Protein backbone atom coordinates (compact mmCIF):
# COMPACT_ATOMS: atom_id res chain seq x y z
CA MET A 1 124.05 80.12 100.03
CA SER A 2 125.25 83.61 99.26
CA VAL A 3 127.79 85.44 100.69
CA LEU A 4 125.22 87.67 101.53
CA GLN A 5 122.61 85.46 102.92
CA GLN A 6 125.68 83.53 104.96
CA GLU A 7 126.18 86.76 106.77
CA VAL A 8 122.55 87.09 107.83
CA VAL A 9 122.49 83.49 109.31
CA ASP A 10 125.82 84.00 111.51
CA LYS A 11 124.49 86.87 113.16
CA VAL A 12 120.99 86.01 113.06
CA THR A 13 122.61 82.96 115.05
CA LYS A 14 123.90 84.96 117.75
CA LEU A 15 120.92 86.33 118.82
CA SER A 16 118.84 86.12 121.99
CA ASP A 17 115.36 84.57 122.15
CA ASP A 18 113.70 87.71 122.41
CA ASN A 19 115.77 89.10 119.46
CA LEU A 20 114.68 86.20 117.12
CA GLN A 21 111.40 86.67 118.35
CA PHE A 22 111.09 90.35 117.69
CA ILE A 23 112.92 89.77 113.92
CA LEU A 24 110.29 87.51 112.89
CA GLU A 25 107.50 89.29 114.19
CA MET A 26 108.78 92.09 111.69
CA ILE A 27 109.32 90.10 108.93
CA ASN A 28 106.23 88.51 109.04
CA ARG A 29 104.73 92.35 109.10
CA PHE A 30 106.54 93.72 106.30
CA MET A 31 107.04 91.03 104.40
CA GLN A 32 103.62 89.72 103.07
CA PRO A 33 103.09 88.45 100.11
CA GLU A 34 101.51 90.79 97.33
CA GLU A 35 98.69 88.86 96.06
CA GLN A 36 96.94 89.37 99.24
CA ASP A 37 93.76 91.35 98.96
CA GLU A 38 93.66 94.72 101.20
CA LYS A 39 90.56 93.02 103.13
CA GLU A 40 93.26 90.24 104.07
CA VAL A 41 96.39 92.21 105.09
CA ASP A 42 97.25 91.62 109.00
CA PHE A 43 97.32 94.64 111.09
CA ARG A 44 98.72 93.27 113.98
CA ARG A 45 100.70 95.10 116.67
CA ILE A 46 103.91 93.89 117.93
CA GLY A 47 105.57 94.93 121.19
CA VAL A 48 104.16 97.09 123.67
CA ALA A 49 100.93 97.89 121.22
CA LYS A 50 100.41 94.08 121.19
CA GLY A 51 96.48 93.28 121.38
CA GLN A 52 95.38 97.30 121.94
CA LYS A 53 92.73 98.98 120.18
CA LEU A 54 94.42 102.21 119.76
CA TYR A 55 91.50 104.49 117.78
CA ASP A 56 88.16 103.62 116.60
CA ASP A 57 87.22 102.05 113.64
CA ASP A 58 85.51 105.07 111.97
CA TYR A 59 88.20 107.80 113.10
CA ASP A 60 89.23 109.60 110.43
CA PHE A 61 93.05 110.43 110.70
CA ASP A 62 92.99 112.96 107.99
CA GLU A 63 90.03 115.49 109.48
CA MET A 64 92.64 117.85 111.14
CA ASN A 65 95.32 118.05 108.73
CA ASP A 66 94.25 121.70 108.04
CA ASP A 67 94.09 122.65 111.37
CA ILE A 68 97.48 121.31 111.82
CA ALA A 69 99.16 122.65 108.76
CA LYS A 70 97.55 126.07 109.64
CA MET A 71 99.37 125.37 113.10
CA PHE A 72 102.99 124.73 111.52
CA GLY A 73 102.72 127.19 109.13
CA VAL A 74 102.27 124.94 105.98
CA MET A 75 99.34 126.72 104.92
């Protein structure tokens, strides 16, 4: 085990179960295998947003970009 790995293990062993669960969720969310297809990517929510559907499937996030840019004087 490398020095860096040992340092991580030492820090993790001192954490509470809640903190360990949070770290595991973050690892599972952000360290996905590269060979996954786009359709198979799991966009699970963590924390307070867990299990919530926050917007419609057909919502276009870029629809208002031009208006927002004008509001902030970008265009």
